[in-house]
Amino acid sequence: MVTQLKPGEVLTVNAASEEIGIHHATLYRWAEAGKVAFVRFGGIMFIPVTEVQRLKKEKNEQATGVEPVA
């Protein structure tokens, strides 16, 4: 089954890394290591907005010392 993404549902790695507050190279490494979902269109890597939201939440939880709920 192929999932179709609409404009606005994905961000470039640069835009996603700025939104999360990490370096873009870190996001590339996480994606290649399987820690972050991504899609490629024409050889360009994009990060789903849902992944960006998840990573922002995890980063905020780590910064505030809140334990993630399992």
PDB file of N, CA and C in Angstrom:
ATOM      1  N   MET A   1       0.842  -1.182   0.000  1.00  0.00           N
ATOM      2  CA  MET A   1       0.000   0.000   0.000  1.00  0.00           C
ATOM      3  C   MET A   1       0.887   1.246   0.000  1.00  0.00           C
ATOM      4  N   VAL A   2       0.581   2.167  -0.861  1.00  0.00           N
ATOM      5  CA  VAL A   2       1.337   3.405  -0.973  1.00  0.00           C
ATOM      6  C   VAL A   2       0.556   4.508  -0.282  1.00  0.00           C
ATOM      7  N   THR A   3       1.225   5.200   0.642  1.00  0.00           N
ATOM      8  CA  THR A   3       0.603   6.326   1.325  1.00  0.00           C
ATOM      9  C   THR A   3       0.929   7.595   0.547  1.00  0.00           C
ATOM     10  N   GLN A   4      -0.071   8.366   0.238  1.00  0.00           N
ATOM     11  CA  GLN A   4       0.151   9.607  -0.481  1.00  0.00           C
ATOM     12  C   GLN A   4       0.188  10.759   0.505  1.00  0.00           C
ATOM     13  N   LEU A   5       1.243  11.550   0.418  1.00  0.00           N
ATOM     14  CA  LEU A   5       1.392  12.720   1.274  1.00  0.00           C
ATOM     15  C   LEU A   5       0.996  13.958   0.487  1.00  0.00           C
ATOM     16  N   LYS A   6       0.411  14.893   1.201  1.00  0.00           N
ATOM     17  CA  LYS A   6      -0.020  16.141   0.584  1.00  0.00           C
ATOM     18  C   LYS A   6       0.970  17.249   0.925  1.00  0.00           C
ATOM     19  N   PRO A   7       0.995  18.306   0.122  1.00  0.00           N
ATOM     20  CA  PRO A   7       1.843  19.446   0.467  1.00  0.00           C
ATOM     21  C   PRO A   7       1.534  19.926   1.880  1.00  0.00           C
ATOM     22  N   GLY A   8       2.554  20.233   2.640  1.00  0.00           N
ATOM     23  CA  GLY A   8       2.374  20.683   4.005  1.00  0.00           C
ATOM     24  C   GLY A   8       2.457  19.563   5.019  1.00  0.00           C
ATOM     25  N   GLU A   9       2.485  18.315   4.540  1.00  0.00           N
ATOM     26  CA  GLU A   9       2.597  17.173   5.444  1.00  0.00           C
ATOM     27  C   GLU A   9       4.045  16.744   5.650  1.00  0.00           C
ATOM     28  N   VAL A  10       4.953  17.304   4.859  1.00  0.00           N
ATOM     29  CA  VAL A  10       6.379  17.017   4.994  1.00  0.00           C
ATOM     30  C   VAL A  10       7.172  18.317   4.945  1.00  0.00           C
ATOM     31  N   LEU A  11       8.363  18.267   5.543  1.00  0.00           N
ATOM     32  CA  LEU A  11       9.271  19.416   5.516  1.00  0.00           C
ATOM     33  C   LEU A  11      10.623  18.955   4.993  1.00  0.00           C
ATOM     34  N   THR A  12      11.362  19.872   4.407  1.00  0.00           N
ATOM     35  CA  THR A  12      12.734  19.547   4.043  1.00  0.00           C
ATOM     36  C   THR A  12      13.519  19.297   5.329  1.00  0.00           C
ATOM     37  N   VAL A  13      14.651  18.648   5.197  1.00  0.00           N
ATOM     38  CA  VAL A  13      15.481  18.383   6.373  1.00  0.00           C
ATOM     39  C   VAL A  13      15.902  19.700   7.018  1.00  0.00           C
ATOM     40  N   ASN A  14      16.268  20.680   6.224  1.00  0.00           N
ATOM     41  CA  ASN A  14      16.680  21.973   6.789  1.00  0.00           C
ATOM     42  C   ASN A  14      15.546  22.635   7.560  1.00  0.00           C
ATOM     43  N   ALA A  15      14.344  22.656   6.981  1.00  0.00           N
ATOM     44  CA  ALA A  15      13.199  23.270   7.660  1.00  0.00           C
ATOM     45  C   ALA A  15      12.831  22.495   8.919  1.00  0.00           C
ATOM     46  N   ALA A  16      12.866  21.169   8.831  1.00  0.00           N
ATOM     47  CA  ALA A  16      12.536  20.339   9.991  1.00  0.00           C
ATOM     48  C   ALA A  16      13.547  20.534  11.110  1.00  0.00           C
ATOM     49  N   SER A  17      14.831  20.574  10.776  1.00  0.00           N
ATOM     50  CA  SER A  17      15.863  20.732  11.811  1.00  0.00           C
ATOM     51  C   SER A  17      15.749  22.104  12.477  1.00  0.00           C
ATOM     52  N   GLU A  18      15.418  23.137  11.727  1.00  0.00           N
ATOM     53  CA  GLU A  18      15.217  24.463  12.322  1.00  0.00           C
ATOM     54  C   GLU A  18      14.018  24.449  13.269  1.00  0.00           C
ATOM     55  N   GLU A  19      12.952  23.783  12.854  1.00  0.00           N
ATOM     56  CA  GLU A  19      11.738  23.703  13.665  1.00  0.00           C
ATOM     57  C   GLU A  19      12.005  22.967  14.980  1.00  0.00           C
ATOM     58  N   ILE A  20      12.802  21.904  14.901  1.00  0.00           N
ATOM     59  CA  ILE A  20      13.112  21.101  16.084  1.00  0.00           C
ATOM     60  C   ILE A  20      14.165  21.783  16.957  1.00  0.00           C
ATOM     61  N   GLY A  21      15.079  22.491  16.308  1.00  0.00           N
ATOM     62  CA  GLY A  21      16.160  23.147  17.038  1.00  0.00           C
ATOM     63  C   GLY A  21      17.411  22.291  17.135  1.00  0.00           C
ATOM     64  N   ILE A  22      17.665  21.513  16.080  1.00  0.00           N
ATOM     65  CA  ILE A  22      18.874  20.698  16.016  1.00  0.00           C
ATOM     66  C   ILE A  22      19.579  20.979  14.695  1.00  0.00           C
ATOM     67  N   HIS A  23      20.808  20.532  14.575  1.00  0.00           N
ATOM     68  CA  HIS A  23      21.567  20.715  13.331  1.00  0.00           C
ATOM     69  C   HIS A  23      21.031  19.758  12.276  1.00  0.00           C
ATOM     70  N   HIS A  24      21.012  20.212  11.033  1.00  0.00           N
ATOM     71  CA  HIS A  24      20.469  19.370   9.968  1.00  0.00           C
ATOM     72  C   HIS A  24      21.247  18.069   9.793  1.00  0.00           C
ATOM     73  N   ALA A  25      22.549  18.075  10.055  1.00  0.00           N
ATOM     74  CA  ALA A  25      23.340  16.852   9.929  1.00  0.00           C
ATOM     75  C   ALA A  25      22.891  15.805  10.945  1.00  0.00           C
ATOM     76  N   THR A  26      22.480  16.258  12.120  1.00  0.00           N
ATOM     77  CA  THR A  26      21.966  15.341  13.138  1.00  0.00           C
ATOM     78  C   THR A  26      20.705  14.664  12.636  1.00  0.00           C
ATOM     79  N   LEU A  27      19.840  15.426  12.032  1.00  0.00           N
ATOM     80  CA  LEU A  27      18.584  14.872  11.516  1.00  0.00           C
ATOM     81  C   LEU A  27      18.855  13.874  10.382  1.00  0.00           C
ATOM     82  N   TYR A  28      19.805  14.174   9.511  1.00  0.00           N
ATOM     83  CA  TYR A  28      20.181  13.218   8.463  1.00  0.00           C
ATOM     84  C   TYR A  28      20.690  11.915   9.082  1.00  0.00           C
ATOM     85  N   ARG A  29      21.550  12.023  10.103  1.00  0.00           N
ATOM     86  CA  ARG A  29      22.094  10.825  10.757  1.00  0.00           C
ATOM     87  C   ARG A  29      20.977  10.006  11.400  1.00  0.00           C
ATOM     88  N   TRP A  30      20.066  10.669  12.106  1.00  0.00           N
ATOM     89  CA  TRP A  30      18.958   9.962  12.745  1.00  0.00           C
ATOM     90  C   TRP A  30      18.098   9.255  11.704  1.00  0.00           C
ATOM     91  N   ALA A  31      17.841   9.916  10.588  1.00  0.00           N
ATOM     92  CA  ALA A  31      17.017   9.319   9.536  1.00  0.00           C
ATOM     93  C   ALA A  31      17.713   8.089   8.952  1.00  0.00           C
ATOM     94  N   GLU A  32      18.981   8.215   8.630  1.00  0.00           N
ATOM     95  CA  GLU A  32      19.721   7.099   8.049  1.00  0.00           C
ATOM     96  C   GLU A  32      19.877   5.943   9.031  1.00  0.00           C
ATOM     97  N   ALA A  33      19.873   6.244  10.340  1.00  0.00           N
ATOM     98  CA  ALA A  33      19.991   5.213  11.374  1.00  0.00           C
ATOM     99  C   ALA A  33      18.636   4.585  11.710  1.00  0.00           C
ATOM    100  N   GLY A  34      17.559   5.087  11.107  1.00  0.00           N
ATOM    101  CA  GLY A  34      16.235   4.528  11.343  1.00  0.00           C
ATOM    102  C   GLY A  34      15.544   5.079  12.580  1.00  0.00           C
ATOM    103  N   LYS A  35      16.064   6.156  13.152  1.00  0.00           N
ATOM    104  CA  LYS A  35      15.464   6.752  14.345  1.00  0.00           C
ATOM    105  C   LYS A  35      14.350   7.734  14.000  1.00  0.00           C
ATOM    106  N   VAL A  36      14.302   8.153  12.739  1.00  0.00           N
ATOM    107  CA  VAL A  36      13.322   9.142  12.296  1.00  0.00           C
ATOM    108  C   VAL A  36      12.753   8.675  10.956  1.00  0.00           C
ATOM    109  N   ALA A  37      11.436   8.724  10.830  1.00  0.00           N
ATOM    110  CA  ALA A  37      10.799   8.381   9.561  1.00  0.00           C
ATOM    111  C   ALA A  37      11.073   9.480   8.541  1.00  0.00           C
ATOM    112  N   PHE A  38      11.251   9.090   7.297  1.00  0.00           N
ATOM    113  CA  PHE A  38      11.460  10.061   6.227  1.00  0.00           C
ATOM    114  C   PHE A  38      10.976   9.477   4.921  1.00  0.00           C
ATOM    115  N   VAL A  39      10.840  10.352   3.930  1.00  0.00           N
ATOM    116  CA  VAL A  39      10.502   9.933   2.574  1.00  0.00           C
ATOM    117  C   VAL A  39      11.462  10.640   1.632  1.00  0.00           C
ATOM    118  N   ARG A  40      11.658  10.036   0.485  1.00  0.00           N
ATOM    119  CA  ARG A  40      12.492  10.660  -0.551  1.00  0.00           C
ATOM    120  C   ARG A  40      11.632  10.893  -1.789  1.00  0.00           C
ATOM    121  N   PHE A  41      11.732  12.094  -2.305  1.00  0.00           N
ATOM    122  CA  PHE A  41      11.107  12.456  -3.563  1.00  0.00           C
ATOM    123  C   PHE A  41      12.215  12.965  -4.461  1.00  0.00           C
ATOM    124  N   GLY A  42      12.439  12.307  -5.567  1.00  0.00           N
ATOM    125  CA  GLY A  42      13.466  12.772  -6.496  1.00  0.00           C
ATOM    126  C   GLY A  42      14.840  12.883  -5.858  1.00  0.00           C
ATOM    127  N   GLY A  43      15.144  11.997  -4.920  1.00  0.00           N
ATOM    128  CA  GLY A  43      16.448  12.000  -4.267  1.00  0.00           C
ATOM    129  C   GLY A  43      16.569  12.983  -3.112  1.00  0.00           C
ATOM    130  N   ILE A  44      15.513  13.741  -2.839  1.00  0.00           N
ATOM    131  CA  ILE A  44      15.539  14.714  -1.743  1.00  0.00           C
ATOM    132  C   ILE A  44      14.806  14.122  -0.550  1.00  0.00           C
ATOM    133  N   MET A  45      15.412  14.231   0.631  1.00  0.00           N
ATOM    134  CA  MET A  45      14.822  13.680   1.845  1.00  0.00           C
ATOM    135  C   MET A  45      13.873  14.692   2.476  1.00  0.00           C
ATOM    136  N   PHE A  46      12.702  14.201   2.859  1.00  0.00           N
ATOM    137  CA  PHE A  46      11.710  15.009   3.544  1.00  0.00           C
ATOM    138  C   PHE A  46      11.311  14.306   4.837  1.00  0.00           C
ATOM    139  N   ILE A  47      10.979  15.097   5.857  1.00  0.00           N
ATOM    140  CA  ILE A  47      10.566  14.578   7.150  1.00  0.00           C
ATOM    141  C   ILE A  47       9.083  14.887   7.340  1.00  0.00           C
ATOM    142  N   PRO A  48       8.268  13.872   7.660  1.00  0.00           N
ATOM    143  CA  PRO A  48       6.845  14.137   7.906  1.00  0.00           C
ATOM    144  C   PRO A  48       6.650  15.089   9.092  1.00  0.00           C
ATOM    145  N   VAL A  49       5.663  15.945   8.998  1.00  0.00           N
ATOM    146  CA  VAL A  49       5.366  16.908  10.061  1.00  0.00           C
ATOM    147  C   VAL A  49       5.092  16.184  11.379  1.00  0.00           C
ATOM    148  N   THR A  50       4.483  15.000  11.309  1.00  0.00           N
ATOM    149  CA  THR A  50       4.216  14.243  12.535  1.00  0.00           C
ATOM    150  C   THR A  50       5.504  13.849  13.244  1.00  0.00           C
ATOM    151  N   GLU A  51       6.552  13.552  12.487  1.00  0.00           N
ATOM    152  CA  GLU A  51       7.851  13.227  13.080  1.00  0.00           C
ATOM    153  C   GLU A  51       8.478  14.469  13.707  1.00  0.00           C
ATOM    154  N   VAL A  52       8.328  15.597  13.039  1.00  0.00           N
ATOM    155  CA  VAL A  52       8.861  16.857  13.582  1.00  0.00           C
ATOM    156  C   VAL A  52       8.183  17.159  14.915  1.00  0.00           C
ATOM    157  N   GLN A  53       6.873  16.991  14.971  1.00  0.00           N
ATOM    158  CA  GLN A  53       6.144  17.235  16.218  1.00  0.00           C
ATOM    159  C   GLN A  53       6.605  16.283  17.315  1.00  0.00           C
ATOM    160  N   ARG A  54       6.811  15.006  16.968  1.00  0.00           N
ATOM    161  CA  ARG A  54       7.270  14.015  17.942  1.00  0.00           C
ATOM    162  C   ARG A  54       8.648  14.382  18.479  1.00  0.00           C
ATOM    163  N   LEU A  55       9.549  14.764  17.593  1.00  0.00           N
ATOM    164  CA  LEU A  55      10.907  15.106  18.009  1.00  0.00           C
ATOM    165  C   LEU A  55      10.936  16.377  18.853  1.00  0.00           C
ATOM    166  N   LYS A  56      10.101  17.358  18.502  1.00  0.00           N
ATOM    167  CA  LYS A  56      10.023  18.574  19.321  1.00  0.00           C
ATOM    168  C   LYS A  56       9.529  18.247  20.720  1.00  0.00           C
ATOM    169  N   LYS A  57       8.521  17.373  20.815  1.00  0.00           N
ATOM    170  CA  LYS A  57       7.974  16.985  22.111  1.00  0.00           C
ATOM    171  C   LYS A  57       9.034  16.266  22.941  1.00  0.00           C
ATOM    172  N   GLU A  58       9.758  15.328  22.319  1.00  0.00           N
ATOM    173  CA  GLU A  58      10.815  14.608  23.035  1.00  0.00           C
ATOM    174  C   GLU A  58      11.907  15.559  23.510  1.00  0.00           C
ATOM    175  N   LYS A  59      12.282  16.504  22.658  1.00  0.00           N
ATOM    176  CA  LYS A  59      13.325  17.458  23.029  1.00  0.00           C
ATOM    177  C   LYS A  59      12.864  18.311  24.205  1.00  0.00           C
ATOM    178  N   ASN A  60      11.608  18.769  24.184  1.00  0.00           N
ATOM    179  CA  ASN A  60      11.072  19.581  25.275  1.00  0.00           C
ATOM    180  C   ASN A  60      10.994  18.782  26.574  1.00  0.00           C
ATOM    181  N   GLU A  61      10.616  17.511  26.478  1.00  0.00           N
ATOM    182  CA  GLU A  61      10.540  16.662  27.664  1.00  0.00           C
ATOM    183  C   GLU A  61      11.926  16.454  28.275  1.00  0.00           C
ATOM    184  N   GLN A  62      12.926  16.283  27.422  1.00  0.00           N
ATOM    185  CA  GLN A  62      14.293  16.115  27.923  1.00  0.00           C
ATOM    186  C   GLN A  62      14.784  17.395  28.568  1.00  0.00           C
ATOM    187  N   ALA A  63      14.436  18.529  27.995  1.00  0.00           N
ATOM    188  CA  ALA A  63      14.887  19.814  28.530  1.00  0.00           C
ATOM    189  C   ALA A  63      14.265  20.132  29.886  1.00  0.00           C
ATOM    190  N   THR A  64      13.019  19.682  30.069  1.00  0.00           N
ATOM    191  CA  THR A  64      12.326  19.984  31.315  1.00  0.00           C
ATOM    192  C   THR A  64      12.469  18.859  32.338  1.00  0.00           C
ATOM    193  N   GLY A  65      13.054  17.734  31.917  1.00  0.00           N
ATOM    194  CA  GLY A  65      13.247  16.620  32.836  1.00  0.00           C
ATOM    195  C   GLY A  65      12.009  15.774  33.033  1.00  0.00           C
ATOM    196  N   VAL A  66      11.004  15.955  32.164  1.00  0.00           N
ATOM    197  CA  VAL A  66       9.776  15.162  32.249  1.00  0.00           C
ATOM    198  C   VAL A  66      10.046  13.800  31.631  1.00  0.00           C
ATOM    199  N   GLU A  67       9.672  12.765  32.353  1.00  0.00           N
ATOM    200  CA  GLU A  67       9.846  11.398  31.831  1.00  0.00           C
ATOM    201  C   GLU A  67       8.775  11.117  30.794  1.00  0.00           C
ATOM    202  N   PRO A  68       9.175  10.572  29.637  1.00  0.00           N
ATOM    203  CA  PRO A  68       8.163  10.224  28.633  1.00  0.00           C
ATOM    204  C   PRO A  68       7.276   9.085  29.133  1.00  0.00           C
ATOM    205  N   VAL A  69       6.013   9.132  28.745  1.00  0.00           N
ATOM    206  CA  VAL A  69       5.057   8.091  29.129  1.00  0.00           C
ATOM    207  C   VAL A  69       5.195   6.938  28.149  1.00  0.00           C
ATOM    208  N   ALA A  70       5.313   5.739  28.676  1.00  0.00           N
ATOM    209  CA  ALA A  70       5.507   4.570  27.818  1.00  0.00           C
ATOM    210  C   ALA A  70       4.239   4.113  27.174  1.00  0.00           C
TER     211      ALA A  70
END
